[in-house]
C-alpha atoms as a PDB file:
ATOM      1  CA  MET A   1       9.927   6.496 -18.199  1.00  0.00           C
ATOM      2  CA  HIS A   2       6.216   6.563 -19.113  1.00  0.00           C
ATOM      3  CA  LEU A   3       3.865   5.900 -16.216  1.00  0.00           C
ATOM      4  CA  ILE A   4       0.384   4.473 -16.764  1.00  0.00           C
ATOM      5  CA  PRO A   5      -2.356   6.493 -15.043  1.00  0.00           C
ATOM      6  CA  ALA A   6      -4.129   4.715 -12.205  1.00  0.00           C
ATOM      7  CA  SER A   7      -7.728   3.713 -12.841  1.00  0.00           C
ATOM      8  CA  ASP A   8     -10.548   4.457 -10.392  1.00  0.00           C
ATOM      9  CA  GLU A   9     -10.272   0.904  -9.014  1.00  0.00           C
ATOM     10  CA  GLN A  10      -6.539   1.333  -8.463  1.00  0.00           C
ATOM     11  CA  ARG A  11      -7.168   4.445  -6.374  1.00  0.00           C
ATOM     12  CA  VAL A  12      -9.080   2.497  -3.706  1.00  0.00           C
ATOM     13  CA  CYS A  13      -7.213   1.019  -0.746  1.00  0.00           C
ATOM     14  CA  PRO A  14      -7.844  -2.751  -0.695  1.00  0.00           C
ATOM     15  CA  ILE A  15      -8.014  -2.717   3.109  1.00  0.00           C
ATOM     16  CA  CYS A  16     -10.163   0.278   4.109  1.00  0.00           C
ATOM     17  CA  PHE A  17     -11.595   1.061   0.625  1.00  0.00           C
ATOM     18  CA  ALA A  18     -10.775   4.776   0.987  1.00  0.00           C
ATOM     19  CA  ASP A  19      -8.807   6.805  -1.577  1.00  0.00           C
ATOM     20  CA  ASN A  20      -5.205   5.552  -1.472  1.00  0.00           C
ATOM     21  CA  HIS A  21      -3.841   8.748  -3.063  1.00  0.00           C
ATOM     22  CA  CYS A  22      -1.986   6.711  -5.665  1.00  0.00           C
ATOM     23  CA  GLY A  23       0.623   8.800  -7.426  1.00  0.00           C
ATOM     24  CA  VAL A  24       1.827   6.269  -9.973  1.00  0.00           C
ATOM     25  CA  ASP A  25       0.984   8.676 -12.795  1.00  0.00           C
ATOM     26  CA  ARG A  26       2.993  11.546 -11.235  1.00  0.00           C
ATOM     27  CA  SER A  27       6.540  12.265 -12.325  1.00  0.00           C
ATOM     28  CA  GLY A  28       7.887  11.478  -8.841  1.00  0.00           C
ATOM     29  CA  GLY A  29       5.932   8.230  -8.641  1.00  0.00           C
ATOM     30  CA  CYS A  30       3.672   6.986  -5.918  1.00  0.00           C
ATOM     31  CA  TRP A  31       4.426   7.516  -2.228  1.00  0.00           C
ATOM     32  CA  CYS A  32       4.516   3.724  -1.840  1.00  0.00           C
ATOM     33  CA  PHE A  33       7.621   3.514  -4.055  1.00  0.00           C
ATOM     34  CA  HIS A  34       9.542   4.896  -1.061  1.00  0.00           C
ATOM     35  CA  GLU A  35       7.775   2.999   1.722  1.00  0.00           C
ATOM     36  CA  ILE A  36       8.322  -0.505   3.041  1.00  0.00           C
ATOM     37  CA  ILE A  37       4.974  -2.272   3.104  1.00  0.00           C
ATOM     38  CA  PRO A  38       5.052  -5.057   5.714  1.00  0.00           C
ATOM     39  CA  ALA A  39       4.472  -8.533   4.279  1.00  0.00           C
ATOM     40  CA  ARG A  40       1.993  -9.296   7.068  1.00  0.00           C
ATOM     41  CA  LEU A  41      -0.084  -6.294   6.020  1.00  0.00           C
ATOM     42  CA  LEU A  42      -0.075  -7.460   2.408  1.00  0.00           C
ATOM     43  CA  ASP A  43      -1.332 -10.830   3.643  1.00  0.00           C
ATOM     44  CA  GLU A  44      -4.445  -9.095   5.009  1.00  0.00           C
ATOM     45  CA  ILE A  45      -5.620  -8.130   1.511  1.00  0.00           C
ATOM     46  CA  GLN A  46      -8.408 -10.273   0.070  1.00  0.00           C
ATOM     47  CA  LYS A  47      -6.991 -12.496  -2.672  1.00  0.00           C
ATOM     48  CA  ASP A  48      -9.056 -10.910  -5.463  1.00  0.00           C
ATOM     49  CA  TRP A  49      -7.734  -7.436  -4.489  1.00  0.00           C
ATOM     50  CA  ARG A  50      -4.038  -8.402  -4.327  1.00  0.00           C
ATOM     51  CA  MET A  51      -1.717  -6.675  -6.788  1.00  0.00           C
ATOM     52  CA  THR A  52      -4.512  -4.411  -8.032  1.00  0.00           C
ATOM     53  CA  ALA A  53      -4.090  -1.252  -5.931  1.00  0.00           C
ATOM     54  CA  CYS A  54      -1.910   0.433  -3.313  1.00  0.00           C
ATOM     55  CA  ILE A  55      -2.709   0.215   0.366  1.00  0.00           C
ATOM     56  CA  CYS A  56      -3.265   3.757   1.676  1.00  0.00           C
ATOM     57  CA  ILE A  57      -0.657   5.410   3.874  1.00  0.00           C
ATOM     58  CA  GLN A  58      -3.158   5.560   6.770  1.00  0.00           C
ATOM     59  CA  CYS A  59      -3.498   1.741   6.780  1.00  0.00           C
ATOM     60  CA  VAL A  60       0.277   1.272   6.493  1.00  0.00           C
ATOM     61  CA  LEU A  61       1.003   3.667   9.371  1.00  0.00           C
ATOM     62  CA  ALA A  62      -1.799   2.225  11.527  1.00  0.00           C
ATOM     63  CA  PHE A  63      -0.478  -1.303  10.984  1.00  0.00           C
ATOM     64  CA  LYS A  64       3.078  -0.257  11.776  1.00  0.00           C
ATOM     65  CA  GLY A  65       1.891   1.604  14.883  1.00  0.00           C
ATOM     66  CA  GLN A  66      -0.042  -1.416  16.159  1.00  0.00           C
ATOM     67  CA  ASN A  67       2.978  -3.641  15.582  1.00  0.00           C
ATOM     68  CA  ALA A  68       5.763  -1.217  16.536  1.00  0.00           C
ATOM     69  CA  THR A  69       7.483  -3.672  18.900  1.00  0.00           C
ATOM     70  CA  ASP A  70       7.483  -6.541  16.381  1.00  0.00           C
ATOM     71  CA  PRO A  71      10.963  -7.016  14.827  1.00  0.00           C
ATOM     72  CA  LYS A  72       9.321  -8.717  11.824  1.00  0.00           C
ATOM     73  CA  ILE A  73       7.246  -5.646  10.917  1.00  0.00           C
ATOM     74  CA  ASP A  74       9.076  -4.800   7.690  1.00  0.00           C
ATOM     75  CA  GLY A  75       8.834  -8.291   6.287  1.00  0.00           C
ATOM     76  CA  ILE A  76      12.156  -9.459   7.693  1.00  0.00           C
ATOM     77  CA  PRO A  77      11.786 -12.955   9.188  1.00  0.00           C
END
């Protein structure tokens, strides 16, 4: 499988605007390939940033930590 290298814009978290450490161009793929990103967190992304870059692991973990008692955290209704 050939992976397309991430551009500079794709390496910016659409929530905190820090480096998202995207690994899409690595042989093992990006860390987010193995992580469940909560649907409610995805909803927090500005519409023009959606589907353009990965959310960073710090934002994902912070969101999950703030919502740890919510049974809907992993996008399950």
